Amino acid sequence: ACWALLVFVALRDLLSAAQSFGWLRRVAALLLVVVLGASWGVRLAGLPVLLREEAFSVRNDWATVYPWLQSQHIDISRPEARALVEQLRGEALSAPVPNPELVEQSHLAYFDLD
């Protein structure tokens, strides 16, 4: 949200200053705004794809959390630590997360994710 406000202020200043520019600089400023807008649009359109794939990855990470905890030398021998890990693991594994391999893959051509 902070970046959006900064971009808004910068673009507002650019567009108000563009009134005093020559036609070539106005066209350059307009192209800059169009390219930035299109870039953010593509990024925003690809966000659900990325979130779906990351959710599946994180869910699978919780399936093997105990070997990971051992490899990191993290002690969960205390009952409250083990209960917390069990609760988080149970919630992660029971979450309805779609498998990206079974979801329609038509978006891959647009976002270069193959």
PDB file of N, CA and C in Angstrom:
ATOM      1  N   ALA A   1       0.828  -1.187   0.000  1.00  0.00           N
ATOM      2  CA  ALA A   1       0.000   0.000   0.000  1.00  0.00           C
ATOM      3  C   ALA A   1       0.871   1.250   0.000  1.00  0.00           C
ATOM      4  N   CYS A   2       1.993   1.182   0.668  1.00  0.00           N
ATOM      5  CA  CYS A   2       2.873   2.346   0.728  1.00  0.00           C
ATOM      6  C   CYS A   2       3.448   2.653  -0.652  1.00  0.00           C
ATOM      7  N   TRP A   3       3.814   1.594  -1.394  1.00  0.00           N
ATOM      8  CA  TRP A   3       4.342   1.808  -2.751  1.00  0.00           C
ATOM      9  C   TRP A   3       3.304   2.455  -3.636  1.00  0.00           C
ATOM     10  N   ALA A   4       2.050   2.038  -3.493  1.00  0.00           N
ATOM     11  CA  ALA A   4       0.987   2.606  -4.321  1.00  0.00           C
ATOM     12  C   ALA A   4       0.839   4.100  -4.057  1.00  0.00           C
ATOM     13  N   LEU A   5       0.932   4.497  -2.799  1.00  0.00           N
ATOM     14  CA  LEU A   5       0.846   5.924  -2.488  1.00  0.00           C
ATOM     15  C   LEU A   5       2.031   6.700  -3.050  1.00  0.00           C
ATOM     16  N   LEU A   6       3.215   6.116  -2.959  1.00  0.00           N
ATOM     17  CA  LEU A   6       4.400   6.781  -3.508  1.00  0.00           C
ATOM     18  C   LEU A   6       4.305   6.917  -5.029  1.00  0.00           C
ATOM     19  N   VAL A   7       3.835   5.879  -5.691  1.00  0.00           N
ATOM     20  CA  VAL A   7       3.675   5.934  -7.145  1.00  0.00           C
ATOM     21  C   VAL A   7       2.612   6.963  -7.513  1.00  0.00           C
ATOM     22  N   PHE A   8       1.528   7.006  -6.749  1.00  0.00           N
ATOM     23  CA  PHE A   8       0.486   7.998  -7.010  1.00  0.00           C
ATOM     24  C   PHE A   8       1.037   9.415  -6.932  1.00  0.00           C
ATOM     25  N   VAL A   9       1.789   9.708  -5.881  1.00  0.00           N
ATOM     26  CA  VAL A   9       2.348  11.052  -5.709  1.00  0.00           C
ATOM     27  C   VAL A   9       3.328  11.370  -6.837  1.00  0.00           C
ATOM     28  N   ALA A  10       4.171  10.396  -7.181  1.00  0.00           N
ATOM     29  CA  ALA A  10       5.147  10.624  -8.252  1.00  0.00           C
ATOM     30  C   ALA A  10       4.455  10.856  -9.590  1.00  0.00           C
ATOM     31  N   LEU A  11       3.435  10.055  -9.896  1.00  0.00           N
ATOM     32  CA  LEU A  11       2.720  10.228 -11.158  1.00  0.00           C
ATOM     33  C   LEU A  11       1.930  11.531 -11.182  1.00  0.00           C
ATOM     34  N   ARG A  12       1.351  11.890 -10.074  1.00  0.00           N
ATOM     35  CA  ARG A  12       0.631  13.168 -10.015  1.00  0.00           C
ATOM     36  C   ARG A  12       1.569  14.323 -10.293  1.00  0.00           C
ATOM     37  N   ASP A  13       2.761  14.297  -9.682  1.00  0.00           N
ATOM     38  CA  ASP A  13       3.737  15.347  -9.929  1.00  0.00           C
ATOM     39  C   ASP A  13       4.221  15.337 -11.373  1.00  0.00           C
ATOM     40  N   LEU A  14       4.437  14.142 -11.918  1.00  0.00           N
ATOM     41  CA  LEU A  14       4.879  14.026 -13.308  1.00  0.00           C
ATOM     42  C   LEU A  14       3.832  14.587 -14.263  1.00  0.00           C
ATOM     43  N   LEU A  15       2.570  14.243 -14.036  1.00  0.00           N
ATOM     44  CA  LEU A  15       1.516  14.699 -14.930  1.00  0.00           C
ATOM     45  C   LEU A  15       1.255  16.194 -14.792  1.00  0.00           C
ATOM     46  N   SER A  16       1.391  16.727 -13.587  1.00  0.00           N
ATOM     47  CA  SER A  16       1.212  18.177 -13.451  1.00  0.00           C
ATOM     48  C   SER A  16       2.391  18.926 -14.062  1.00  0.00           C
ATOM     49  N   ALA A  17       3.596  18.370 -13.964  1.00  0.00           N
ATOM     50  CA  ALA A  17       4.761  19.007 -14.581  1.00  0.00           C
ATOM     51  C   ALA A  17       4.748  18.835 -16.094  1.00  0.00           C
ATOM     52  N   ALA A  18       4.069  17.795 -16.582  1.00  0.00           N
ATOM     53  CA  ALA A  18       4.043  17.522 -18.017  1.00  0.00           C
ATOM     54  C   ALA A  18       3.302  18.609 -18.792  1.00  0.00           C
ATOM     55  N   GLN A  19       2.496  19.384 -18.116  1.00  0.00           N
ATOM     56  CA  GLN A  19       1.782  20.461 -18.794  1.00  0.00           C
ATOM     57  C   GLN A  19       2.746  21.507 -19.355  1.00  0.00           C
ATOM     58  N   SER A  20       3.883  21.647 -18.720  1.00  0.00           N
ATOM     59  CA  SER A  20       4.859  22.626 -19.201  1.00  0.00           C
ATOM     60  C   SER A  20       5.889  22.003 -20.141  1.00  0.00           C
ATOM     61  N   PHE A  21       5.809  20.708 -20.384  1.00  0.00           N
ATOM     62  CA  PHE A  21       6.743  20.025 -21.283  1.00  0.00           C
ATOM     63  C   PHE A  21       6.371  20.296 -22.732  1.00  0.00           C
ATOM     64  N   GLY A  22       7.325  20.052 -23.588  1.00  0.00           N
ATOM     65  CA  GLY A  22       7.051  20.056 -25.017  1.00  0.00           C
ATOM     66  C   GLY A  22       6.320  18.777 -25.395  1.00  0.00           C
ATOM     67  N   TRP A  23       5.879  18.676 -26.644  1.00  0.00           N
ATOM     68  CA  TRP A  23       5.077  17.524 -27.044  1.00  0.00           C
ATOM     69  C   TRP A  23       5.857  16.220 -26.944  1.00  0.00           C
ATOM     70  N   LEU A  24       7.163  16.243 -27.214  1.00  0.00           N
ATOM     71  CA  LEU A  24       7.956  15.022 -27.159  1.00  0.00           C
ATOM     72  C   LEU A  24       8.073  14.498 -25.726  1.00  0.00           C
ATOM     73  N   ARG A  25       8.280  15.393 -24.798  1.00  0.00           N
ATOM     74  CA  ARG A  25       8.359  14.972 -23.392  1.00  0.00           C
ATOM     75  C   ARG A  25       6.999  14.520 -22.875  1.00  0.00           C
ATOM     76  N   ARG A  26       5.926  15.132 -23.365  1.00  0.00           N
ATOM     77  CA  ARG A  26       4.581  14.688 -22.967  1.00  0.00           C
ATOM     78  C   ARG A  26       4.337  13.253 -23.440  1.00  0.00           C
ATOM     79  N   VAL A  27       4.734  12.961 -24.679  1.00  0.00           N
ATOM     80  CA  VAL A  27       4.568  11.612 -25.212  1.00  0.00           C
ATOM     81  C   VAL A  27       5.409  10.626 -24.407  1.00  0.00           C
ATOM     82  N   ALA A  28       6.633  11.012 -24.062  1.00  0.00           N
ATOM     83  CA  ALA A  28       7.491  10.137 -23.260  1.00  0.00           C
ATOM     84  C   ALA A  28       6.873   9.888 -21.886  1.00  0.00           C
ATOM     85  N   ALA A  29       6.322  10.919 -21.267  1.00  0.00           N
ATOM     86  CA  ALA A  29       5.681  10.761 -19.957  1.00  0.00           C
ATOM     87  C   ALA A  29       4.456   9.861 -20.069  1.00  0.00           C
ATOM     88  N   LEU A  30       3.679  10.034 -21.146  1.00  0.00           N
ATOM     89  CA  LEU A  30       2.508   9.199 -21.352  1.00  0.00           C
ATOM     90  C   LEU A  30       2.910   7.744 -21.558  1.00  0.00           C
ATOM     91  N   LEU A  31       3.948   7.496 -22.339  1.00  0.00           N
ATOM     92  CA  LEU A  31       4.426   6.132 -22.546  1.00  0.00           C
ATOM     93  C   LEU A  31       4.917   5.511 -21.244  1.00  0.00           C
ATOM     94  N   LEU A  32       5.599   6.296 -20.433  1.00  0.00           N
ATOM     95  CA  LEU A  32       6.063   5.802 -19.137  1.00  0.00           C
ATOM     96  C   LEU A  32       4.881   5.368 -18.270  1.00  0.00           C
ATOM     97  N   VAL A  33       3.846   6.179 -18.218  1.00  0.00           N
ATOM     98  CA  VAL A  33       2.672   5.856 -17.409  1.00  0.00           C
ATOM     99  C   VAL A  33       1.976   4.607 -17.960  1.00  0.00           C
ATOM    100  N   VAL A  34       1.859   4.492 -19.279  1.00  0.00           N
ATOM    101  CA  VAL A  34       1.206   3.334 -19.880  1.00  0.00           C
ATOM    102  C   VAL A  34       2.003   2.056 -19.611  1.00  0.00           C
ATOM    103  N   VAL A  35       3.321   2.122 -19.758  1.00  0.00           N
ATOM    104  CA  VAL A  35       4.153   0.941 -19.511  1.00  0.00           C
ATOM    105  C   VAL A  35       4.085   0.524 -18.041  1.00  0.00           C
ATOM    106  N   LEU A  36       4.166   1.482 -17.133  1.00  0.00           N
ATOM    107  CA  LEU A  36       4.062   1.153 -15.703  1.00  0.00           C
ATOM    108  C   LEU A  36       2.702   0.546 -15.375  1.00  0.00           C
ATOM    109  N   GLY A  37       1.642   1.114 -15.922  1.00  0.00           N
ATOM    110  CA  GLY A  37       0.304   0.589 -15.667  1.00  0.00           C
ATOM    111  C   GLY A  37       0.132  -0.813 -16.214  1.00  0.00           C
ATOM    112  N   ALA A  38       0.623  -1.044 -17.424  1.00  0.00           N
ATOM    113  CA  ALA A  38       0.515  -2.385 -18.018  1.00  0.00           C
ATOM    114  C   ALA A  38       1.336  -3.395 -17.221  1.00  0.00           C
ATOM    115  N   SER A  39       2.520  -2.986 -16.776  1.00  0.00           N
ATOM    116  CA  SER A  39       3.365  -3.889 -15.984  1.00  0.00           C
ATOM    117  C   SER A  39       2.682  -4.275 -14.685  1.00  0.00           C
ATOM    118  N   TRP A  40       2.117  -3.314 -13.989  1.00  0.00           N
ATOM    119  CA  TRP A  40       1.414  -3.625 -12.751  1.00  0.00           C
ATOM    120  C   TRP A  40       0.179  -4.470 -13.025  1.00  0.00           C
ATOM    121  N   GLY A  41      -0.477  -4.241 -14.151  1.00  0.00           N
ATOM    122  CA  GLY A  41      -1.647  -5.050 -14.501  1.00  0.00           C
ATOM    123  C   GLY A  41      -1.288  -6.509 -14.718  1.00  0.00           C
ATOM    124  N   VAL A  42      -0.200  -6.763 -15.427  1.00  0.00           N
ATOM    125  CA  VAL A  42       0.238  -8.139 -15.656  1.00  0.00           C
ATOM    126  C   VAL A  42       0.638  -8.783 -14.337  1.00  0.00           C
ATOM    127  N   ARG A  43       1.344  -8.028 -13.515  1.00  0.00           N
ATOM    128  CA  ARG A  43       1.750  -8.565 -12.214  1.00  0.00           C
ATOM    129  C   ARG A  43       0.531  -8.903 -11.368  1.00  0.00           C
ATOM    130  N   LEU A  44      -0.447  -8.032 -11.379  1.00  0.00           N
ATOM    131  CA  LEU A  44      -1.656  -8.267 -10.597  1.00  0.00           C
ATOM    132  C   LEU A  44      -2.441  -9.451 -11.135  1.00  0.00           C
ATOM    133  N   ALA A  45      -2.494  -9.614 -12.444  1.00  0.00           N
ATOM    134  CA  ALA A  45      -3.219 -10.732 -13.033  1.00  0.00           C
ATOM    135  C   ALA A  45      -2.541 -12.063 -12.706  1.00  0.00           C
ATOM    136  N   GLY A  46      -1.239 -12.072 -12.546  1.00  0.00           N
ATOM    137  CA  GLY A  46      -0.520 -13.301 -12.230  1.00  0.00           C
ATOM    138  C   GLY A  46      -0.491 -13.645 -10.760  1.00  0.00           C
ATOM    139  N   LEU A  47      -0.927 -12.743  -9.916  1.00  0.00           N
ATOM    140  CA  LEU A  47      -0.871 -12.963  -8.473  1.00  0.00           C
ATOM    141  C   LEU A  47      -1.681 -14.171  -8.002  1.00  0.00           C
ATOM    142  N   PRO A  48      -2.903 -14.387  -8.465  1.00  0.00           N
ATOM    143  CA  PRO A  48      -3.635 -15.583  -8.011  1.00  0.00           C
ATOM    144  C   PRO A  48      -2.922 -16.886  -8.361  1.00  0.00           C
ATOM    145  N   VAL A  49      -2.287 -16.928  -9.509  1.00  0.00           N
ATOM    146  CA  VAL A  49      -1.544 -18.127  -9.918  1.00  0.00           C
ATOM    147  C   VAL A  49      -0.405 -18.375  -8.937  1.00  0.00           C
ATOM    148  N   LEU A  50       0.353 -17.341  -8.640  1.00  0.00           N
ATOM    149  CA  LEU A  50       1.474 -17.457  -7.719  1.00  0.00           C
ATOM    150  C   LEU A  50       1.006 -17.860  -6.322  1.00  0.00           C
ATOM    151  N   LEU A  51      -0.068 -17.255  -5.851  1.00  0.00           N
ATOM    152  CA  LEU A  51      -0.578 -17.580  -4.517  1.00  0.00           C
ATOM    153  C   LEU A  51      -1.051 -19.028  -4.431  1.00  0.00           C
ATOM    154  N   ARG A  52      -1.706 -19.515  -5.484  1.00  0.00           N
ATOM    155  CA  ARG A  52      -2.169 -20.903  -5.492  1.00  0.00           C
ATOM    156  C   ARG A  52      -0.984 -21.865  -5.424  1.00  0.00           C
ATOM    157  N   GLU A  53       0.058 -21.596  -6.201  1.00  0.00           N
ATOM    158  CA  GLU A  53       1.226 -22.478  -6.202  1.00  0.00           C
ATOM    159  C   GLU A  53       1.985 -22.411  -4.880  1.00  0.00           C
ATOM    160  N   GLU A  54       2.103 -21.229  -4.305  1.00  0.00           N
ATOM    161  CA  GLU A  54       2.790 -21.095  -3.013  1.00  0.00           C
ATOM    162  C   GLU A  54       1.999 -21.748  -1.889  1.00  0.00           C
ATOM    163  N   ALA A  55       0.670 -21.649  -1.930  1.00  0.00           N
ATOM    164  CA  ALA A  55      -0.153 -22.291  -0.904  1.00  0.00           C
ATOM    165  C   ALA A  55       0.048 -23.800  -0.930  1.00  0.00           C
ATOM    166  N   PHE A  56       0.113 -24.380  -2.117  1.00  0.00           N
ATOM    167  CA  PHE A  56       0.338 -25.819  -2.244  1.00  0.00           C
ATOM    168  C   PHE A  56       1.720 -26.193  -1.719  1.00  0.00           C
ATOM    169  N   SER A  57       2.715 -25.388  -2.040  1.00  0.00           N
ATOM    170  CA  SER A  57       4.081 -25.646  -1.583  1.00  0.00           C
ATOM    171  C   SER A  57       4.190 -25.568  -0.060  1.00  0.00           C
ATOM    172  N   VAL A  58       3.590 -24.549   0.526  1.00  0.00           N
ATOM    173  CA  VAL A  58       3.647 -24.375   1.982  1.00  0.00           C
ATOM    174  C   VAL A  58       2.891 -25.510   2.671  1.00  0.00           C
ATOM    175  N   ARG A  59       1.761 -25.902   2.113  1.00  0.00           N
ATOM    176  CA  ARG A  59       1.006 -27.015   2.690  1.00  0.00           C
ATOM    177  C   ARG A  59       1.856 -28.280   2.692  1.00  0.00           C
ATOM    178  N   ASN A  60       2.548 -28.540   1.612  1.00  0.00           N
ATOM    179  CA  ASN A  60       3.402 -29.723   1.538  1.00  0.00           C
ATOM    180  C   ASN A  60       4.599 -29.618   2.483  1.00  0.00           C
ATOM    181  N   ASP A  61       5.098 -28.422   2.707  1.00  0.00           N
ATOM    182  CA  ASP A  61       6.186 -28.248   3.668  1.00  0.00           C
ATOM    183  C   ASP A  61       5.752 -28.655   5.073  1.00  0.00           C
ATOM    184  N   TRP A  62       4.497 -28.369   5.418  1.00  0.00           N
ATOM    185  CA  TRP A  62       4.010 -28.749   6.746  1.00  0.00           C
ATOM    186  C   TRP A  62       3.870 -30.258   6.878  1.00  0.00           C
ATOM    187  N   ALA A  63       3.705 -30.958   5.780  1.00  0.00           N
ATOM    188  CA  ALA A  63       3.593 -32.418   5.844  1.00  0.00           C
ATOM    189  C   ALA A  63       4.891 -33.046   6.330  1.00  0.00           C
ATOM    190  N   THR A  64       6.008 -32.400   6.056  1.00  0.00           N
ATOM    191  CA  THR A  64       7.323 -32.930   6.451  1.00  0.00           C
ATOM    192  C   THR A  64       8.011 -32.000   7.451  1.00  0.00           C
ATOM    193  N   VAL A  65       7.252 -31.423   8.351  1.00  0.00           N
ATOM    194  CA  VAL A  65       7.815 -30.441   9.269  1.00  0.00           C
ATOM    195  C   VAL A  65       8.749 -31.083  10.306  1.00  0.00           C
ATOM    196  N   TYR A  66       8.475 -32.312  10.727  1.00  0.00           N
ATOM    197  CA  TYR A  66       9.297 -32.918  11.780  1.00  0.00           C
ATOM    198  C   TYR A  66      10.728 -33.186  11.336  1.00  0.00           C
ATOM    199  N   PRO A  67      10.968 -33.761  10.175  1.00  0.00           N
ATOM    200  CA  PRO A  67      12.363 -33.898   9.733  1.00  0.00           C
ATOM    201  C   PRO A  67      13.059 -32.542   9.557  1.00  0.00           C
ATOM    202  N   TRP A  68      12.312 -31.542   9.102  1.00  0.00           N
ATOM    203  CA  TRP A  68      12.904 -30.211   8.939  1.00  0.00           C
ATOM    204  C   TRP A  68      13.289 -29.628  10.297  1.00  0.00           C
ATOM    205  N   LEU A  69      12.421 -29.768  11.279  1.00  0.00           N
ATOM    206  CA  LEU A  69      12.730 -29.257  12.617  1.00  0.00           C
ATOM    207  C   LEU A  69      13.976 -29.942  13.176  1.00  0.00           C
ATOM    208  N   GLN A  70      14.100 -31.247  12.959  1.00  0.00           N
ATOM    209  CA  GLN A  70      15.299 -31.956  13.424  1.00  0.00           C
ATOM    210  C   GLN A  70      16.548 -31.481  12.695  1.00  0.00           C
ATOM    211  N   SER A  71      16.455 -31.271  11.389  1.00  0.00           N
ATOM    212  CA  SER A  71      17.636 -30.822  10.633  1.00  0.00           C
ATOM    213  C   SER A  71      18.059 -29.414  11.033  1.00  0.00           C
ATOM    214  N   GLN A  72      17.118 -28.620  11.549  1.00  0.00           N
ATOM    215  CA  GLN A  72      17.435 -27.262  12.000  1.00  0.00           C
ATOM    216  C   GLN A  72      17.786 -27.221  13.493  1.00  0.00           C
ATOM    217  N   HIS A  73      17.785 -28.386  14.133  1.00  0.00           N
ATOM    218  CA  HIS A  73      18.095 -28.508  15.563  1.00  0.00           C
ATOM    219  C   HIS A  73      17.142 -27.661  16.411  1.00  0.00           C
ATOM    220  N   ILE A  74      15.861 -27.728  16.064  1.00  0.00           N
ATOM    221  CA  ILE A  74      14.826 -27.016  16.814  1.00  0.00           C
ATOM    222  C   ILE A  74      14.158 -28.011  17.734  1.00  0.00           C
ATOM    223  N   ASP A  75      14.204 -27.725  19.023  1.00  0.00           N
ATOM    224  CA  ASP A  75      13.672 -28.636  20.033  1.00  0.00           C
ATOM    225  C   ASP A  75      12.194 -28.342  20.272  1.00  0.00           C
ATOM    226  N   ILE A  76      11.366 -29.342  20.077  1.00  0.00           N
ATOM    227  CA  ILE A  76       9.935 -29.198  20.371  1.00  0.00           C
ATOM    228  C   ILE A  76       9.510 -30.263  21.390  1.00  0.00           C
ATOM    229  N   SER A  77      10.404 -30.550  22.333  1.00  0.00           N
ATOM    230  CA  SER A  77      10.102 -31.581  23.327  1.00  0.00           C
ATOM    231  C   SER A  77       9.127 -31.078  24.395  1.00  0.00           C
ATOM    232  N   ARG A  78       9.059 -29.759  24.576  1.00  0.00           N
ATOM    233  CA  ARG A  78       8.104 -29.231  25.547  1.00  0.00           C
ATOM    234  C   ARG A  78       6.681 -29.450  25.029  1.00  0.00           C
ATOM    235  N   PRO A  79       5.740 -29.797  25.899  1.00  0.00           N
ATOM    236  CA  PRO A  79       4.374 -30.093  25.459  1.00  0.00           C
ATOM    237  C   PRO A  79       3.712 -28.930  24.717  1.00  0.00           C
ATOM    238  N   GLU A  80       3.944 -27.691  25.190  1.00  0.00           N
ATOM    239  CA  GLU A  80       3.294 -26.555  24.518  1.00  0.00           C
ATOM    240  C   GLU A  80       3.898 -26.301  23.133  1.00  0.00           C
ATOM    241  N   ALA A  81       5.182 -26.554  22.961  1.00  0.00           N
ATOM    242  CA  ALA A  81       5.812 -26.401  21.647  1.00  0.00           C
ATOM    243  C   ALA A  81       5.289 -27.462  20.689  1.00  0.00           C
ATOM    244  N   ARG A  82       5.212 -28.706  21.173  1.00  0.00           N
ATOM    245  CA  ARG A  82       4.702 -29.785  20.323  1.00  0.00           C
ATOM    246  C   ARG A  82       3.236 -29.538  19.983  1.00  0.00           C
ATOM    247  N   ALA A  83       2.447 -29.038  20.951  1.00  0.00           N
ATOM    248  CA  ALA A  83       1.027 -28.759  20.694  1.00  0.00           C
ATOM    249  C   ALA A  83       0.872 -27.658  19.640  1.00  0.00           C
ATOM    250  N   LEU A  84       1.727 -26.651  19.702  1.00  0.00           N
ATOM    251  CA  LEU A  84       1.665 -25.574  18.707  1.00  0.00           C
ATOM    252  C   LEU A  84       1.995 -26.093  17.312  1.00  0.00           C
ATOM    253  N   VAL A  85       3.061 -26.882  17.211  1.00  0.00           N
ATOM    254  CA  VAL A  85       3.435 -27.442  15.908  1.00  0.00           C
ATOM    255  C   VAL A  85       2.327 -28.346  15.386  1.00  0.00           C
ATOM    256  N   GLU A  86       1.751 -29.156  16.254  1.00  0.00           N
ATOM    257  CA  GLU A  86       0.663 -30.047  15.834  1.00  0.00           C
ATOM    258  C   GLU A  86      -0.553 -29.259  15.360  1.00  0.00           C
ATOM    259  N   GLN A  87      -0.886 -28.188  16.088  1.00  0.00           N
ATOM    260  CA  GLN A  87      -2.038 -27.371  15.693  1.00  0.00           C
ATOM    261  C   GLN A  87      -1.800 -26.715  14.332  1.00  0.00           C
ATOM    262  N   LEU A  88      -0.621 -26.100  14.150  1.00  0.00           N
ATOM    263  CA  LEU A  88      -0.312 -25.449  12.879  1.00  0.00           C
ATOM    264  C   LEU A  88      -0.248 -26.455  11.736  1.00  0.00           C
ATOM    265  N   ARG A  89       0.346 -27.615  12.011  1.00  0.00           N
ATOM    266  CA  ARG A  89       0.451 -28.650  10.985  1.00  0.00           C
ATOM    267  C   ARG A  89      -0.938 -29.162  10.603  1.00  0.00           C
ATOM    268  N   GLY A  90      -1.767 -29.403  11.605  1.00  0.00           N
ATOM    269  CA  GLY A  90      -3.128 -29.874  11.332  1.00  0.00           C
ATOM    270  C   GLY A  90      -3.938 -28.875  10.518  1.00  0.00           C
ATOM    271  N   GLU A  91      -3.830 -27.597  10.870  1.00  0.00           N
ATOM    272  CA  GLU A  91      -4.557 -26.570  10.123  1.00  0.00           C
ATOM    273  C   GLU A  91      -4.052 -26.471   8.688  1.00  0.00           C
ATOM    274  N   ALA A  92      -2.733 -26.546   8.521  1.00  0.00           N
ATOM    275  CA  ALA A  92      -2.168 -26.445   7.167  1.00  0.00           C
ATOM    276  C   ALA A  92      -2.577 -27.632   6.309  1.00  0.00           C
ATOM    277  N   LEU A  93      -2.539 -28.837   6.880  1.00  0.00           N
ATOM    278  CA  LEU A  93      -2.849 -30.032   6.094  1.00  0.00           C
ATOM    279  C   LEU A  93      -4.335 -30.189   5.805  1.00  0.00           C
ATOM    280  N   SER A  94      -5.176 -29.583   6.640  1.00  0.00           N
ATOM    281  CA  SER A  94      -6.620 -29.691   6.395  1.00  0.00           C
ATOM    282  C   SER A  94      -7.156 -28.533   5.558  1.00  0.00           C
ATOM    283  N   ALA A  95      -6.312 -27.580   5.220  1.00  0.00           N
ATOM    284  CA  ALA A  95      -6.751 -26.443   4.404  1.00  0.00           C
ATOM    285  C   ALA A  95      -7.054 -26.903   2.980  1.00  0.00           C
ATOM    286  N   PRO A  96      -8.125 -26.385   2.406  1.00  0.00           N
ATOM    287  CA  PRO A  96      -8.485 -26.770   1.032  1.00  0.00           C
ATOM    288  C   PRO A  96      -7.599 -26.050   0.009  1.00  0.00           C
ATOM    289  N   VAL A  97      -6.512 -26.669  -0.362  1.00  0.00           N
ATOM    290  CA  VAL A  97      -5.555 -26.082  -1.297  1.00  0.00           C
ATOM    291  C   VAL A  97      -5.569 -26.906  -2.578  1.00  0.00           C
ATOM    292  N   PRO A  98      -5.841 -26.263  -3.729  1.00  0.00           N
ATOM    293  CA  PRO A  98      -5.850 -27.040  -4.975  1.00  0.00           C
ATOM    294  C   PRO A  98      -4.442 -27.411  -5.419  1.00  0.00           C
ATOM    295  N   ASN A  99      -4.329 -28.574  -5.999  1.00  0.00           N
ATOM    296  CA  ASN A  99      -3.057 -29.019  -6.548  1.00  0.00           C
ATOM    297  C   ASN A  99      -2.828 -28.296  -7.874  1.00  0.00           C
ATOM    298  N   PRO A 100      -1.741 -27.531  -8.010  1.00  0.00           N
ATOM    299  CA  PRO A 100      -1.507 -26.786  -9.252  1.00  0.00           C
ATOM    300  C   PRO A 100      -1.391 -27.689 -10.476  1.00  0.00           C
ATOM    301  N   GLU A 101      -0.993 -28.939 -10.281  1.00  0.00           N
ATOM    302  CA  GLU A 101      -0.872 -29.861 -11.414  1.00  0.00           C
ATOM    303  C   GLU A 101      -2.236 -30.292 -11.948  1.00  0.00           C
ATOM    304  N   LEU A 102      -3.270 -30.189 -11.113  1.00  0.00           N
ATOM    305  CA  LEU A 102      -4.595 -30.623 -11.527  1.00  0.00           C
ATOM    306  C   LEU A 102      -5.490 -29.465 -11.954  1.00  0.00           C
ATOM    307  N   VAL A 103      -5.002 -28.243 -11.818  1.00  0.00           N
ATOM    308  CA  VAL A 103      -5.767 -27.056 -12.200  1.00  0.00           C
ATOM    309  C   VAL A 103      -5.470 -26.737 -13.656  1.00  0.00           C
ATOM    310  N   GLU A 104      -6.441 -26.165 -14.342  1.00  0.00           N
ATOM    311  CA  GLU A 104      -6.258 -25.768 -15.740  1.00  0.00           C
ATOM    312  C   GLU A 104      -4.982 -24.937 -15.883  1.00  0.00           C
ATOM    313  N   GLN A 105      -4.146 -25.302 -16.830  1.00  0.00           N
ATOM    314  CA  GLN A 105      -2.834 -24.694 -16.978  1.00  0.00           C
ATOM    315  C   GLN A 105      -2.763 -23.673 -18.112  1.00  0.00           C
ATOM    316  N   SER A 106      -3.866 -23.134 -18.569  1.00  0.00           N
ATOM    317  CA  SER A 106      -3.854 -22.206 -19.697  1.00  0.00           C
ATOM    318  C   SER A 106      -3.141 -20.895 -19.371  1.00  0.00           C
ATOM    319  N   HIS A 107      -3.000 -20.570 -18.095  1.00  0.00           N
ATOM    320  CA  HIS A 107      -2.345 -19.321 -17.699  1.00  0.00           C
ATOM    321  C   HIS A 107      -0.838 -19.355 -17.925  1.00  0.00           C
ATOM    322  N   LEU A 108      -0.245 -20.536 -18.053  1.00  0.00           N
ATOM    323  CA  LEU A 108       1.207 -20.643 -18.164  1.00  0.00           C
ATOM    324  C   LEU A 108       1.753 -19.909 -19.372  1.00  0.00           C
ATOM    325  N   ALA A 109       1.027 -19.919 -20.460  1.00  0.00           N
ATOM    326  CA  ALA A 109       1.499 -19.242 -21.672  1.00  0.00           C
ATOM    327  C   ALA A 109       1.568 -17.737 -21.470  1.00  0.00           C
ATOM    328  N   TYR A 110       0.718 -17.191 -20.634  1.00  0.00           N
ATOM    329  CA  TYR A 110       0.674 -15.741 -20.437  1.00  0.00           C
ATOM    330  C   TYR A 110       1.687 -15.234 -19.419  1.00  0.00           C
ATOM    331  N   PHE A 111       2.021 -16.052 -18.443  1.00  0.00           N
ATOM    332  CA  PHE A 111       2.873 -15.591 -17.357  1.00  0.00           C
ATOM    333  C   PHE A 111       4.230 -16.264 -17.336  1.00  0.00           C
ATOM    334  N   ASP A 112       4.550 -17.041 -18.347  1.00  0.00           N
ATOM    335  CA  ASP A 112       5.867 -17.680 -18.479  1.00  0.00           C
ATOM    336  C   ASP A 112       6.203 -18.472 -17.222  1.00  0.00           C
ATOM    337  N   LEU A 113       5.265 -19.301 -16.772  1.00  0.00           N
ATOM    338  CA  LEU A 113       5.441 -20.077 -15.546  1.00  0.00           C
ATOM    339  C   LEU A 113       5.678 -21.556 -15.808  1.00  0.00           C
ATOM    340  N   ASP A 114       5.876 -21.947 -17.052  1.00  0.00           N
ATOM    341  CA  ASP A 114       6.078 -23.374 -17.322  1.00  0.00           C
ATOM    342  C   ASP A 114       7.486 -23.715 -17.143  1.00  0.00           C
TER     343      ASP A 114
END
